[in-house]
Amino acid sequence: MTTRFRKSRRQRGTRYCGWGQIGQHRQSGSRGGVGQAGKHKHFWIRTVIEEPNHFGHPQTKSHHKISVKKWANLKDLDFLYSKFVKSDTESRTLDLTKLGINKLLGGGTVTIKMNVRVEQISRRAVEKIQAIGGSVISNEHHSE
C-alpha cells in the first residue's frame, strides 16, 4: 500500500487524528501511567512475569547472634542456691543453665560462697563472686 493512501496521511490536518474530541491519546493516561505506575494494580500480570521480586525487601538479619532470653542478678543467687542446691553436696555448684538462665548480671551482692555455672556473665558479677571465694564456670567471661 502506498504511503499516500494510509489512514495517517488522510488524517493529517484534522485536529485529533481519529482519537475523539476530548484529546485522548495525548498524555500518559492512555498508557496506564508513567514509569512504575500500576505495577500493583492494572499492570500486575506484567510485574509477575517480568519482575517477580519487584515488591518487598530482603529479610533483615539480627545483629545479636546470641540473644539473652533470661537473666538473673547476683542478689537472686542466695535464693536460687537455697532452693536448688542440696545442702549435703560438697560441690556447692549452682548450675544456672539447667534453670534456663542465660546470663548473670552484677546487681546486688552475694553472701554464700559457691561455684556458678552459666553461659554468659558480666565482669562485675565475676569480680563479686571471686571476692568472697567462689568461682565461675562460663563459656564467655566478661561480656557486658
N, C-alpha and C. Protein backbone atom coordinates (compact mmCIF):
# COMPACT_ATOMS: atom_id res chain seq x y z
N MET A 1 0.84 -1.18 0.00
CA MET A 1 0.00 0.00 0.00
C MET A 1 0.88 1.23 0.00
N THR A 2 0.59 2.13 -0.81
CA THR A 2 1.41 3.33 -0.91
C THR A 2 1.13 4.25 0.26
N THR A 3 2.08 5.09 0.54
CA THR A 3 2.01 5.96 1.70
C THR A 3 0.85 6.94 1.60
N ARG A 4 0.55 7.40 0.38
CA ARG A 4 -0.47 8.44 0.26
C ARG A 4 -1.87 7.95 0.55
N PHE A 5 -2.08 6.62 0.56
CA PHE A 5 -3.41 6.11 0.85
C PHE A 5 -3.58 5.67 2.32
N ARG A 6 -2.54 5.81 3.12
CA ARG A 6 -2.62 5.38 4.51
C ARG A 6 -3.54 6.29 5.31
N LYS A 7 -4.09 5.72 6.38
CA LYS A 7 -5.03 6.47 7.21
C LYS A 7 -4.34 7.67 7.86
N SER A 8 -3.10 7.51 8.27
CA SER A 8 -2.39 8.60 8.92
C SER A 8 -2.20 9.78 7.97
N ARG A 9 -2.08 9.52 6.67
CA ARG A 9 -1.94 10.60 5.69
C ARG A 9 -3.27 11.29 5.48
N ARG A 10 -4.33 10.50 5.50
CA ARG A 10 -5.66 11.10 5.30
C ARG A 10 -6.03 12.00 6.46
N GLN A 11 -5.57 11.64 7.67
CA GLN A 11 -5.97 12.39 8.85
C GLN A 11 -5.06 13.56 9.16
N ARG A 12 -4.04 13.78 8.39
CA ARG A 12 -3.19 14.96 8.58
C ARG A 12 -4.02 16.22 8.40
N GLY A 13 -3.87 17.14 9.33
CA GLY A 13 -4.64 18.37 9.25
C GLY A 13 -5.90 18.32 10.09
N THR A 14 -6.39 17.11 10.41
CA THR A 14 -7.52 17.06 11.33
C THR A 14 -7.00 17.27 12.74
N ARG A 15 -7.91 17.61 13.62
CA ARG A 15 -7.45 18.06 14.93
C ARG A 15 -6.94 16.92 15.81
N TYR A 16 -7.66 15.77 15.84
CA TYR A 16 -7.32 14.72 16.78
C TYR A 16 -6.90 13.42 16.11
N CYS A 17 -6.84 13.36 14.81
CA CYS A 17 -6.40 12.19 14.05
C CYS A 17 -7.16 10.93 14.42
N GLY A 18 -8.46 11.04 14.61
CA GLY A 18 -9.29 9.88 14.85
C GLY A 18 -9.36 9.42 16.29
N TRP A 19 -8.83 10.18 17.23
CA TRP A 19 -8.84 9.77 18.64
C TRP A 19 -9.93 10.48 19.43
N GLY A 20 -10.90 11.03 18.82
CA GLY A 20 -12.02 11.61 19.55
C GLY A 20 -11.88 13.09 19.78
N GLN A 21 -12.87 13.63 20.47
CA GLN A 21 -12.98 15.06 20.58
C GLN A 21 -12.23 15.65 21.76
N ILE A 22 -12.00 14.86 22.82
CA ILE A 22 -11.50 15.45 24.05
C ILE A 22 -10.00 15.27 24.19
N GLY A 23 -9.31 14.93 23.17
CA GLY A 23 -7.85 14.87 23.24
C GLY A 23 -7.34 13.60 23.87
N GLN A 24 -7.97 12.45 23.56
CA GLN A 24 -7.40 11.20 24.05
C GLN A 24 -6.10 10.93 23.30
N HIS A 25 -5.38 9.96 23.77
CA HIS A 25 -4.14 9.55 23.12
C HIS A 25 -3.11 10.67 23.12
N ARG A 26 -3.11 11.45 24.17
CA ARG A 26 -2.12 12.52 24.26
C ARG A 26 -1.20 12.34 25.47
N GLN A 27 -1.77 12.35 26.66
CA GLN A 27 -0.94 12.24 27.85
C GLN A 27 -0.74 10.77 28.23
N SER A 28 -0.18 10.54 29.40
CA SER A 28 0.18 9.19 29.81
C SER A 28 -1.02 8.39 30.31
N GLY A 29 -2.18 9.01 30.40
CA GLY A 29 -3.36 8.28 30.82
C GLY A 29 -3.75 7.20 29.83
N SER A 30 -3.40 7.40 28.59
CA SER A 30 -3.73 6.39 27.58
C SER A 30 -2.81 5.18 27.67
N ARG A 31 -1.70 5.31 28.39
CA ARG A 31 -0.77 4.19 28.55
C ARG A 31 -0.91 3.50 29.90
N GLY A 32 -1.76 4.03 30.76
CA GLY A 32 -1.90 3.43 32.09
C GLY A 32 -0.94 4.01 33.10
N GLY A 33 -0.32 5.12 32.83
CA GLY A 33 0.58 5.76 33.78
C GLY A 33 1.99 5.84 33.26
N VAL A 34 2.81 6.59 33.96
CA VAL A 34 4.20 6.81 33.58
C VAL A 34 5.10 6.01 34.51
N GLY A 35 6.12 5.40 33.98
CA GLY A 35 7.14 4.75 34.80
C GLY A 35 6.64 3.49 35.47
N GLN A 36 6.75 3.46 36.80
CA GLN A 36 6.40 2.27 37.57
C GLN A 36 4.94 2.25 37.99
N ALA A 37 4.13 3.13 37.45
CA ALA A 37 2.73 3.22 37.87
C ALA A 37 1.97 1.97 37.46
N GLY A 38 1.09 1.54 38.34
CA GLY A 38 0.19 0.43 38.02
C GLY A 38 0.77 -0.95 38.23
N LYS A 39 1.98 -1.06 38.77
CA LYS A 39 2.58 -2.37 38.94
C LYS A 39 1.84 -3.22 39.96
N HIS A 40 1.17 -2.58 40.92
CA HIS A 40 0.41 -3.32 41.92
C HIS A 40 -1.06 -3.39 41.55
N LYS A 41 -1.45 -2.81 40.44
CA LYS A 41 -2.86 -2.77 40.08
C LYS A 41 -3.08 -3.31 38.67
N HIS A 42 -3.14 -2.45 37.68
CA HIS A 42 -3.55 -2.91 36.36
C HIS A 42 -2.41 -3.48 35.52
N PHE A 43 -1.16 -3.34 35.97
CA PHE A 43 -0.06 -4.00 35.27
C PHE A 43 0.50 -5.15 36.08
N TRP A 44 -0.33 -5.77 36.93
CA TRP A 44 0.15 -6.80 37.85
C TRP A 44 0.69 -8.03 37.13
N ILE A 45 0.02 -8.47 36.06
CA ILE A 45 0.48 -9.66 35.34
C ILE A 45 1.86 -9.41 34.74
N ARG A 46 2.04 -8.23 34.19
CA ARG A 46 3.35 -7.88 33.63
C ARG A 46 4.42 -7.89 34.73
N THR A 47 4.06 -7.40 35.91
CA THR A 47 5.01 -7.37 37.02
C THR A 47 5.39 -8.78 37.45
N VAL A 48 4.42 -9.66 37.55
CA VAL A 48 4.69 -11.03 37.98
C VAL A 48 5.58 -11.74 36.97
N ILE A 49 5.35 -11.51 35.70
CA ILE A 49 6.13 -12.20 34.67
C ILE A 49 7.53 -11.61 34.53
N GLU A 50 7.62 -10.29 34.44
CA GLU A 50 8.90 -9.65 34.14
C GLU A 50 9.78 -9.43 35.36
N GLU A 51 9.20 -9.00 36.48
CA GLU A 51 9.98 -8.74 37.68
C GLU A 51 9.28 -9.31 38.91
N PRO A 52 9.38 -10.60 39.14
CA PRO A 52 8.66 -11.19 40.27
C PRO A 52 9.14 -10.71 41.63
N ASN A 53 10.36 -10.21 41.73
CA ASN A 53 10.89 -9.75 43.02
C ASN A 53 10.85 -8.24 43.16
N HIS A 54 9.97 -7.57 42.42
CA HIS A 54 9.92 -6.10 42.45
C HIS A 54 9.49 -5.58 43.81
N PHE A 55 8.48 -6.21 44.43
CA PHE A 55 7.97 -5.73 45.70
C PHE A 55 8.61 -6.49 46.85
N GLY A 56 8.62 -5.87 48.02
CA GLY A 56 9.20 -6.49 49.21
C GLY A 56 10.65 -6.09 49.37
N HIS A 57 11.28 -6.67 50.36
CA HIS A 57 12.68 -6.41 50.63
C HIS A 57 13.30 -7.66 51.24
N PRO A 58 14.61 -7.78 51.19
CA PRO A 58 15.24 -8.97 51.78
C PRO A 58 15.07 -8.97 53.28
N GLN A 59 15.02 -10.15 53.86
CA GLN A 59 14.84 -10.24 55.30
C GLN A 59 16.07 -9.71 56.01
N THR A 60 15.84 -9.02 57.11
CA THR A 60 16.95 -8.48 57.87
C THR A 60 17.49 -9.55 58.81
N LYS A 61 18.77 -9.50 59.05
CA LYS A 61 19.41 -10.44 59.94
C LYS A 61 19.66 -9.75 61.28
N SER A 62 19.58 -10.51 62.33
CA SER A 62 19.78 -9.97 63.66
C SER A 62 21.25 -9.63 63.86
N HIS A 63 21.53 -8.51 64.51
CA HIS A 63 22.90 -8.12 64.79
C HIS A 63 23.46 -8.92 65.97
N HIS A 64 22.57 -9.40 66.83
CA HIS A 64 23.00 -10.13 68.01
C HIS A 64 22.84 -11.63 67.74
N LYS A 65 23.96 -12.32 67.63
CA LYS A 65 23.90 -13.74 67.35
C LYS A 65 23.38 -14.52 68.56
N ILE A 66 23.81 -14.11 69.75
CA ILE A 66 23.37 -14.78 70.97
C ILE A 66 22.38 -13.86 71.66
N SER A 67 21.14 -14.26 71.73
CA SER A 67 20.15 -13.43 72.39
C SER A 67 19.97 -13.93 73.82
N VAL A 68 19.95 -13.01 74.75
CA VAL A 68 19.78 -13.35 76.15
C VAL A 68 18.28 -13.37 76.44
N LYS A 69 17.74 -14.56 76.62
CA LYS A 69 16.31 -14.69 76.85
C LYS A 69 15.95 -14.48 78.32
N LYS A 70 16.80 -14.99 79.23
CA LYS A 70 16.51 -14.89 80.65
C LYS A 70 17.80 -14.58 81.39
N TRP A 71 17.74 -13.71 82.38
CA TRP A 71 18.92 -13.33 83.13
C TRP A 71 18.57 -13.24 84.60
N ALA A 72 19.60 -13.15 85.43
CA ALA A 72 19.42 -13.01 86.87
C ALA A 72 20.52 -12.10 87.41
N ASN A 73 20.24 -11.48 88.54
CA ASN A 73 21.22 -10.64 89.21
C ASN A 73 21.86 -11.42 90.34
N LEU A 74 22.98 -10.89 90.87
CA LEU A 74 23.65 -11.54 91.98
C LEU A 74 22.77 -11.61 93.22
N LYS A 75 21.89 -10.64 93.40
CA LYS A 75 21.04 -10.64 94.59
C LYS A 75 20.07 -11.82 94.60
N ASP A 76 19.84 -12.44 93.43
CA ASP A 76 18.94 -13.60 93.35
C ASP A 76 19.66 -14.92 93.62
N LEU A 77 21.00 -14.92 93.66
CA LEU A 77 21.74 -16.17 93.76
C LEU A 77 21.54 -16.88 95.09
N ASP A 78 21.46 -16.14 96.20
CA ASP A 78 21.27 -16.77 97.51
C ASP A 78 19.96 -17.56 97.54
N PHE A 79 18.90 -16.97 97.00
CA PHE A 79 17.61 -17.65 96.98
C PHE A 79 17.67 -18.88 96.07
N LEU A 80 18.27 -18.73 94.89
CA LEU A 80 18.37 -19.86 93.96
C LEU A 80 19.24 -20.98 94.53
N TYR A 81 20.29 -20.61 95.24
CA TYR A 81 21.18 -21.61 95.83
C TYR A 81 20.44 -22.41 96.91
N SER A 82 19.71 -21.71 97.77
CA SER A 82 19.00 -22.40 98.85
C SER A 82 17.86 -23.27 98.30
N LYS A 83 17.32 -22.89 97.17
CA LYS A 83 16.19 -23.63 96.61
C LYS A 83 16.62 -24.84 95.79
N PHE A 84 17.70 -24.71 95.00
CA PHE A 84 18.03 -25.74 94.02
C PHE A 84 19.28 -26.56 94.34
N VAL A 85 20.12 -26.13 95.28
CA VAL A 85 21.33 -26.89 95.61
C VAL A 85 21.08 -27.58 96.95
N LYS A 86 21.29 -28.89 96.99
CA LYS A 86 21.10 -29.64 98.23
C LYS A 86 22.26 -29.36 99.17
N SER A 87 21.95 -29.25 100.43
CA SER A 87 22.97 -28.86 101.40
C SER A 87 23.99 -29.97 101.67
N ASP A 88 23.64 -31.23 101.37
CA ASP A 88 24.57 -32.31 101.67
C ASP A 88 25.64 -32.50 100.59
N THR A 89 25.50 -31.84 99.45
CA THR A 89 26.51 -31.97 98.40
C THR A 89 27.72 -31.11 98.74
N GLU A 90 28.89 -31.62 98.39
CA GLU A 90 30.13 -30.89 98.69
C GLU A 90 30.56 -29.98 97.55
N SER A 91 30.00 -30.18 96.35
CA SER A 91 30.48 -29.41 95.21
C SER A 91 30.06 -27.95 95.28
N ARG A 92 28.92 -27.66 95.88
CA ARG A 92 28.39 -26.30 96.03
C ARG A 92 28.34 -25.57 94.68
N THR A 93 27.86 -26.27 93.65
CA THR A 93 27.77 -25.68 92.31
C THR A 93 26.32 -25.39 91.97
N LEU A 94 26.07 -24.15 91.61
CA LEU A 94 24.73 -23.72 91.17
C LEU A 94 24.77 -23.64 89.65
N ASP A 95 24.03 -24.51 88.98
CA ASP A 95 24.01 -24.56 87.51
C ASP A 95 22.82 -23.74 87.01
N LEU A 96 23.11 -22.53 86.55
CA LEU A 96 22.04 -21.65 86.06
C LEU A 96 21.56 -22.04 84.67
N THR A 97 22.39 -22.76 83.91
CA THR A 97 21.95 -23.18 82.58
C THR A 97 20.82 -24.19 82.67
N LYS A 98 20.83 -25.06 83.69
CA LYS A 98 19.73 -26.00 83.88
C LYS A 98 18.45 -25.30 84.30
N LEU A 99 18.59 -24.14 84.93
CA LEU A 99 17.42 -23.37 85.36
C LEU A 99 16.88 -22.48 84.24
N GLY A 100 17.58 -22.44 83.10
CA GLY A 100 17.11 -21.65 81.96
C GLY A 100 17.59 -20.21 81.98
N ILE A 101 18.57 -19.90 82.81
CA ILE A 101 19.10 -18.53 82.90
C ILE A 101 20.33 -18.45 82.00
N ASN A 102 20.32 -17.51 81.05
CA ASN A 102 21.41 -17.38 80.09
C ASN A 102 22.55 -16.51 80.59
N LYS A 103 22.24 -15.47 81.38
CA LYS A 103 23.28 -14.51 81.75
C LYS A 103 23.13 -14.11 83.20
N LEU A 104 24.26 -13.92 83.87
CA LEU A 104 24.28 -13.46 85.25
C LEU A 104 24.83 -12.05 85.26
N LEU A 105 24.07 -11.13 85.86
CA LEU A 105 24.45 -9.73 85.94
C LEU A 105 24.96 -9.40 87.34
N GLY A 106 25.65 -8.27 87.47
CA GLY A 106 26.33 -7.95 88.73
C GLY A 106 25.54 -7.10 89.68
N GLY A 107 24.23 -7.04 89.60
CA GLY A 107 23.45 -6.21 90.51
C GLY A 107 23.27 -6.87 91.86
N GLY A 108 23.56 -6.14 92.94
CA GLY A 108 23.39 -6.67 94.29
C GLY A 108 24.65 -7.35 94.78
N THR A 109 24.51 -8.06 95.90
CA THR A 109 25.64 -8.77 96.49
C THR A 109 25.26 -10.22 96.71
N VAL A 110 26.27 -11.05 96.91
CA VAL A 110 26.07 -12.46 97.19
C VAL A 110 26.80 -12.78 98.50
N THR A 111 26.19 -13.60 99.36
CA THR A 111 26.78 -13.88 100.68
C THR A 111 27.29 -15.31 100.80
N ILE A 112 26.81 -16.23 100.00
CA ILE A 112 27.21 -17.64 100.10
C ILE A 112 28.33 -17.92 99.11
N LYS A 113 29.39 -18.60 99.60
CA LYS A 113 30.49 -18.99 98.72
C LYS A 113 30.02 -20.18 97.87
N MET A 114 30.07 -20.03 96.55
CA MET A 114 29.58 -21.08 95.66
C MET A 114 30.29 -21.03 94.32
N ASN A 115 30.14 -22.12 93.57
CA ASN A 115 30.60 -22.18 92.18
C ASN A 115 29.38 -21.97 91.30
N VAL A 116 29.50 -21.12 90.32
CA VAL A 116 28.36 -20.79 89.46
C VAL A 116 28.68 -21.21 88.03
N ARG A 117 27.75 -21.94 87.41
CA ARG A 117 27.89 -22.34 86.01
C ARG A 117 26.83 -21.59 85.22
N VAL A 118 27.25 -20.82 84.20
CA VAL A 118 26.33 -20.01 83.41
C VAL A 118 26.95 -19.76 82.04
N GLU A 119 26.11 -19.49 81.03
CA GLU A 119 26.61 -19.26 79.68
C GLU A 119 27.36 -17.93 79.57
N GLN A 120 26.76 -16.85 80.05
CA GLN A 120 27.37 -15.53 79.97
C GLN A 120 27.32 -14.89 81.35
N ILE A 121 28.31 -14.07 81.62
CA ILE A 121 28.37 -13.40 82.91
C ILE A 121 29.05 -12.06 82.75
N SER A 122 28.62 -11.07 83.51
CA SER A 122 29.22 -9.75 83.40
C SER A 122 30.50 -9.67 84.23
N ARG A 123 31.31 -8.68 83.96
CA ARG A 123 32.59 -8.52 84.63
C ARG A 123 32.41 -8.26 86.12
N ARG A 124 31.45 -7.44 86.48
CA ARG A 124 31.21 -7.12 87.89
C ARG A 124 30.74 -8.34 88.67
N ALA A 125 29.95 -9.19 88.01
CA ALA A 125 29.49 -10.40 88.69
C ALA A 125 30.66 -11.34 88.96
N VAL A 126 31.59 -11.47 88.02
CA VAL A 126 32.77 -12.31 88.23
C VAL A 126 33.59 -11.78 89.39
N GLU A 127 33.81 -10.47 89.43
CA GLU A 127 34.61 -9.88 90.50
C GLU A 127 33.98 -10.10 91.86
N LYS A 128 32.67 -9.94 91.97
CA LYS A 128 31.99 -10.08 93.27
C LYS A 128 31.97 -11.52 93.74
N ILE A 129 31.80 -12.48 92.81
CA ILE A 129 31.80 -13.88 93.21
C ILE A 129 33.19 -14.32 93.64
N GLN A 130 34.21 -13.88 92.93
CA GLN A 130 35.58 -14.25 93.29
C GLN A 130 36.05 -13.54 94.54
N ALA A 131 35.46 -12.40 94.88
CA ALA A 131 35.85 -11.67 96.08
C ALA A 131 35.48 -12.42 97.35
N ILE A 132 34.39 -13.20 97.31
CA ILE A 132 34.02 -13.95 98.51
C ILE A 132 34.55 -15.39 98.48
N GLY A 133 35.32 -15.73 97.46
CA GLY A 133 35.95 -17.05 97.41
C GLY A 133 35.27 -18.05 96.50
N GLY A 134 34.29 -17.64 95.74
CA GLY A 134 33.62 -18.54 94.81
C GLY A 134 34.33 -18.57 93.46
N SER A 135 33.80 -19.38 92.56
CA SER A 135 34.38 -19.45 91.22
C SER A 135 33.27 -19.47 90.18
N VAL A 136 33.67 -19.18 88.95
CA VAL A 136 32.71 -19.07 87.84
C VAL A 136 33.14 -20.04 86.75
N ILE A 137 32.17 -20.82 86.26
CA ILE A 137 32.39 -21.70 85.11
C ILE A 137 31.50 -21.16 84.01
N SER A 138 32.11 -20.62 82.94
CA SER A 138 31.33 -19.94 81.91
C SER A 138 31.94 -20.15 80.55
N ASN A 139 31.09 -20.08 79.53
CA ASN A 139 31.59 -20.14 78.15
C ASN A 139 32.26 -18.83 77.77
N GLU A 140 31.76 -17.74 78.31
CA GLU A 140 32.23 -16.43 77.89
C GLU A 140 32.40 -15.56 79.12
N HIS A 141 33.63 -15.18 79.42
CA HIS A 141 33.87 -14.30 80.55
C HIS A 141 33.80 -12.85 80.13
N HIS A 142 33.44 -12.02 81.04
CA HIS A 142 33.48 -10.56 80.89
C HIS A 142 32.65 -10.04 79.73
N SER A 143 31.45 -10.52 79.54
CA SER A 143 30.60 -9.95 78.49
C SER A 143 29.71 -8.91 79.12
N GLU A 144 29.73 -7.74 78.57
CA GLU A 144 28.93 -6.62 79.11
C GLU A 144 27.68 -6.47 78.33
